[in-house]
Amino acid sequence: MLAAAWATSAAGAASPVQSNPAPTPALRPDVTPQPGSHIFALLKQQFNFTLPASYQGRDIKPSGGTPGEGRAWGTMFISNDDRKIVVISEAPNPSGTQVSKHDNIFLTGAGAGYNAQQKRAHPRYQVQREQTIAVNGLGMRRIDATDIIDGDAALSTALLAASGPTLAVVQVISGANDPKGHEALVDRILAGK
């Protein structure tokens, strides 16, 4: 199964996948999700979205942090139905740097660091497009790339956002044969649905 084959590769060089349950997401008062949906409110509710219940989560960082706590945490969600992976993480900015919610210089540097990490983990990782966007006043670095993961062609979109002392990263990975489904999931996350 494609998603299962990508399970350890998707996390890149961050840390090994663990079998612990996913952290409890911070609840958003303005959202009435589908039963069993995963709700996320990153960067103290500045970056909000849900994932369908079909996505199963596993911790990828052992610190035990949860969204909004200011400690590093990460979860990989896999949907065998959709054949997609979504990796979600938050971590303190390097050296405790405080940034505004639309710091283009910081986001450009964070994007360069992210791309270097992906290239080390996956030599066939190739950036196709990179741009800074704004979603509800929050600056994000969007990086669209292609990759070969365990022999399968893949699409990857990373959304990097920072505010205050914290950097959030959401990475969506899909099979290269499903560009429409990939873009639909990225659009859903950007729309806060």
Protein backbone atom coordinates (compact mmCIF):
# COMPACT_ATOMS: atom_id res chain seq x y z
CA MET A 1 0.00 0.00 0.00
CA LEU A 2 1.44 3.34 -1.08
CA ALA A 3 0.68 5.24 2.14
CA ALA A 4 2.18 2.49 4.28
CA ALA A 5 5.32 2.47 2.15
CA TRP A 6 5.71 6.21 2.69
CA ALA A 7 5.13 6.08 6.43
CA THR A 8 8.73 6.30 7.56
CA SER A 9 9.95 8.27 4.54
CA ALA A 10 7.48 11.13 4.90
CA ALA A 11 8.92 12.27 8.20
CA GLY A 12 12.22 13.06 6.47
CA ALA A 13 15.17 13.45 8.77
CA ALA A 14 13.10 14.75 11.69
CA SER A 15 12.84 11.66 13.87
CA PRO A 16 11.56 8.09 13.76
CA VAL A 17 7.84 7.33 13.76
CA GLN A 18 6.53 6.26 17.14
CA SER A 19 3.46 4.20 17.98
CA ASN A 20 2.03 6.69 20.48
CA PRO A 21 -1.44 8.11 19.82
CA ALA A 22 -1.69 11.54 18.22
CA PRO A 23 -1.69 14.57 20.52
CA THR A 24 -5.08 16.03 21.34
CA PRO A 25 -5.58 18.98 18.99
CA ALA A 26 -6.50 22.37 20.40
CA LEU A 27 -10.23 22.88 19.91
CA ARG A 28 -11.62 25.75 17.88
CA PRO A 29 -14.87 27.21 19.23
CA ASP A 30 -16.07 28.28 15.75
CA VAL A 31 -15.89 24.81 14.14
CA THR A 32 -18.45 22.05 14.17
CA PRO A 33 -16.47 19.19 12.62
CA GLN A 34 -17.72 15.94 11.21
CA PRO A 35 -17.78 13.23 13.91
CA GLY A 36 -14.26 11.89 14.41
CA SER A 37 -12.58 14.69 12.44
CA HIS A 38 -9.16 15.87 13.58
CA ILE A 39 -9.23 19.59 14.47
CA PHE A 40 -6.10 21.73 14.42
CA ALA A 41 -5.53 25.25 15.73
CA LEU A 42 -1.85 25.96 15.14
CA LEU A 43 0.10 29.05 16.17
CA LYS A 44 -2.42 29.87 18.91
CA GLN A 45 -5.42 29.53 16.55
CA GLN A 46 -3.97 31.60 13.71
CA PHE A 47 -3.73 28.56 11.36
CA ASN A 48 -6.83 26.37 11.65
CA PHE A 49 -8.11 23.38 9.68
CA THR A 50 -9.54 19.89 10.03
CA LEU A 51 -8.72 16.50 8.55
CA PRO A 52 -11.37 13.84 7.90
CA ALA A 53 -11.76 10.96 10.34
CA SER A 54 -10.27 8.58 7.75
CA TYR A 55 -6.80 9.98 8.55
CA GLN A 56 -5.04 7.97 11.24
CA GLY A 57 -2.36 9.78 13.27
CA ARG A 58 0.96 8.71 14.76
CA ASP A 59 3.41 10.85 16.73
CA ILE A 60 6.72 11.54 15.00
CA LYS A 61 8.40 13.68 17.65
CA PRO A 62 8.85 12.33 21.18
CA SER A 63 8.62 15.60 23.15
CA GLY A 64 4.97 15.14 24.11
CA GLY A 65 3.97 18.68 23.18
CA THR A 66 0.57 19.59 21.77
CA PRO A 67 -0.58 22.47 19.57
CA GLY A 68 -0.26 25.85 21.24
CA GLU A 69 2.01 24.71 24.10
CA GLY A 70 5.23 26.17 22.67
CA ARG A 71 7.02 22.79 22.69
CA ALA A 72 7.99 20.71 19.68
CA TRP A 73 5.46 18.12 18.56
CA GLY A 74 4.64 16.39 15.32
CA THR A 75 2.06 13.96 14.00
CA MET A 76 1.84 12.09 10.72
CA PHE A 77 -1.68 11.38 9.47
CA ILE A 78 -2.19 8.67 6.85
CA SER A 79 -5.38 8.00 4.88
CA ASN A 80 -5.37 4.71 3.03
CA ASP A 81 -8.74 5.70 1.52
CA ASP A 82 -7.36 8.93 0.03
CA ARG A 83 -3.81 7.56 -0.39
CA LYS A 84 -2.38 10.68 1.20
CA ILE A 85 -0.13 11.65 4.08
CA VAL A 86 -0.29 14.88 6.07
CA VAL A 87 2.58 15.69 8.44
CA ILE A 88 1.78 18.44 10.98
CA SER A 89 4.28 19.93 13.41
CA GLU A 90 5.05 22.93 15.58
CA ALA A 91 8.43 23.78 17.11
CA PRO A 92 10.13 26.76 18.75
CA ASN A 93 11.90 29.04 16.28
CA PRO A 94 15.70 28.66 16.12
CA SER A 95 17.47 30.53 18.93
CA GLY A 96 14.11 31.61 20.36
CA THR A 97 13.59 34.13 17.56
CA GLN A 98 10.39 36.17 17.85
CA VAL A 99 8.75 36.90 14.48
CA SER A 100 5.71 38.81 13.31
CA LYS A 101 2.91 36.82 11.71
CA HIS A 102 4.04 37.87 8.21
CA ASP A 103 7.86 37.94 8.32
CA ASN A 104 8.90 37.26 4.73
CA ILE A 105 12.63 37.19 5.51
CA PHE A 106 12.14 34.58 8.24
CA LEU A 107 9.81 32.49 6.04
CA THR A 108 12.29 32.55 3.15
CA GLY A 109 15.06 31.31 5.46
CA ALA A 110 12.78 28.67 6.99
CA GLY A 111 11.87 27.50 3.48
CA ALA A 112 15.54 27.19 2.52
CA GLY A 113 16.21 25.14 5.66
CA TYR A 114 13.20 22.93 5.00
CA ASN A 115 14.28 22.28 1.39
CA ALA A 116 17.82 21.40 2.49
CA GLN A 117 16.45 18.91 5.05
CA GLN A 118 14.15 17.31 2.47
CA LYS A 119 16.99 17.05 -0.07
CA ARG A 120 19.20 15.29 2.50
CA ALA A 121 16.43 12.81 3.31
CA HIS A 122 15.26 12.36 -0.30
CA PRO A 123 17.92 13.02 -2.98
CA ARG A 124 15.26 13.14 -5.74
CA TYR A 125 13.27 15.89 -4.02
CA GLN A 126 12.84 18.77 -6.51
CA VAL A 127 11.17 22.11 -5.78
CA GLN A 128 8.72 23.03 -8.55
CA ARG A 129 7.37 26.29 -7.11
CA GLU A 130 8.00 28.33 -3.98
CA GLN A 131 6.15 31.45 -2.89
CA THR A 132 5.09 33.47 0.13
CA ILE A 133 1.32 33.74 0.50
CA ALA A 134 -1.01 35.20 3.13
CA VAL A 135 -3.96 33.38 4.66
CA ASN A 136 -6.17 35.47 6.95
CA GLY A 137 -3.24 37.83 7.56
CA LEU A 138 -0.80 35.02 8.41
CA GLY A 139 2.23 34.76 6.13
CA MET A 140 3.08 31.29 4.81
CA ARG A 141 5.84 29.91 2.66
CA ARG A 142 4.28 27.44 0.21
CA ILE A 143 6.68 24.93 -1.34
CA ASP A 144 5.42 22.59 -4.08
CA ALA A 145 7.80 19.77 -4.95
CA THR A 146 8.07 16.36 -6.57
CA ASP A 147 9.85 13.37 -5.09
CA ILE A 148 10.42 9.66 -5.44
CA ILE A 149 9.54 7.89 -2.20
CA ASP A 150 10.16 4.15 -1.96
CA GLY A 151 10.11 3.96 -5.75
CA ASP A 152 6.82 5.85 -6.19
CA ALA A 153 6.50 9.30 -7.77
CA ALA A 154 5.03 11.75 -5.27
CA LEU A 155 3.73 15.29 -5.00
CA SER A 156 4.60 17.29 -1.89
CA THR A 157 3.30 20.64 -0.70
CA ALA A 158 4.68 22.20 2.46
CA LEU A 159 3.09 25.16 4.23
CA LEU A 160 5.42 26.93 6.67
CA ALA A 161 4.04 29.63 8.96
CA ALA A 162 5.48 31.38 12.01
CA SER A 163 4.23 33.73 14.67
CA GLY A 164 5.88 34.83 17.88
CA PRO A 165 8.32 32.13 19.01
CA THR A 166 6.81 29.25 17.02
CA LEU A 167 7.12 27.73 13.54
CA ALA A 168 4.38 25.47 12.16
CA VAL A 169 4.83 23.14 9.19
CA VAL A 170 2.09 21.22 7.36
CA GLN A 171 3.24 18.87 4.62
CA VAL A 172 0.81 17.13 2.24
CA ILE A 173 2.09 14.12 0.25
CA SER A 174 0.13 12.43 -2.53
CA GLY A 175 0.80 10.08 -5.41
CA ALA A 176 1.92 11.90 -8.55
CA ASN A 177 -1.08 10.41 -10.38
CA ASP A 178 -3.54 12.45 -8.27
CA PRO A 179 -2.70 16.14 -8.78
CA LYS A 180 -6.35 17.23 -8.48
CA GLY A 181 -6.88 15.37 -5.20
CA HIS A 182 -3.58 16.72 -3.88
CA GLU A 183 -4.51 20.32 -4.69
CA ALA A 184 -8.00 19.83 -3.25
CA LEU A 185 -6.55 18.77 0.12
CA VAL A 186 -4.06 21.66 0.14
CA ASP A 187 -6.91 24.07 -0.70
CA ARG A 188 -9.02 22.59 2.10
CA ILE A 189 -6.22 23.20 4.62
CA LEU A 190 -5.60 26.75 3.36
CA ALA A 191 -9.34 27.51 3.52
CA GLY A 192 -9.47 26.37 7.15
CA LYS A 193 -12.05 23.66 6.44
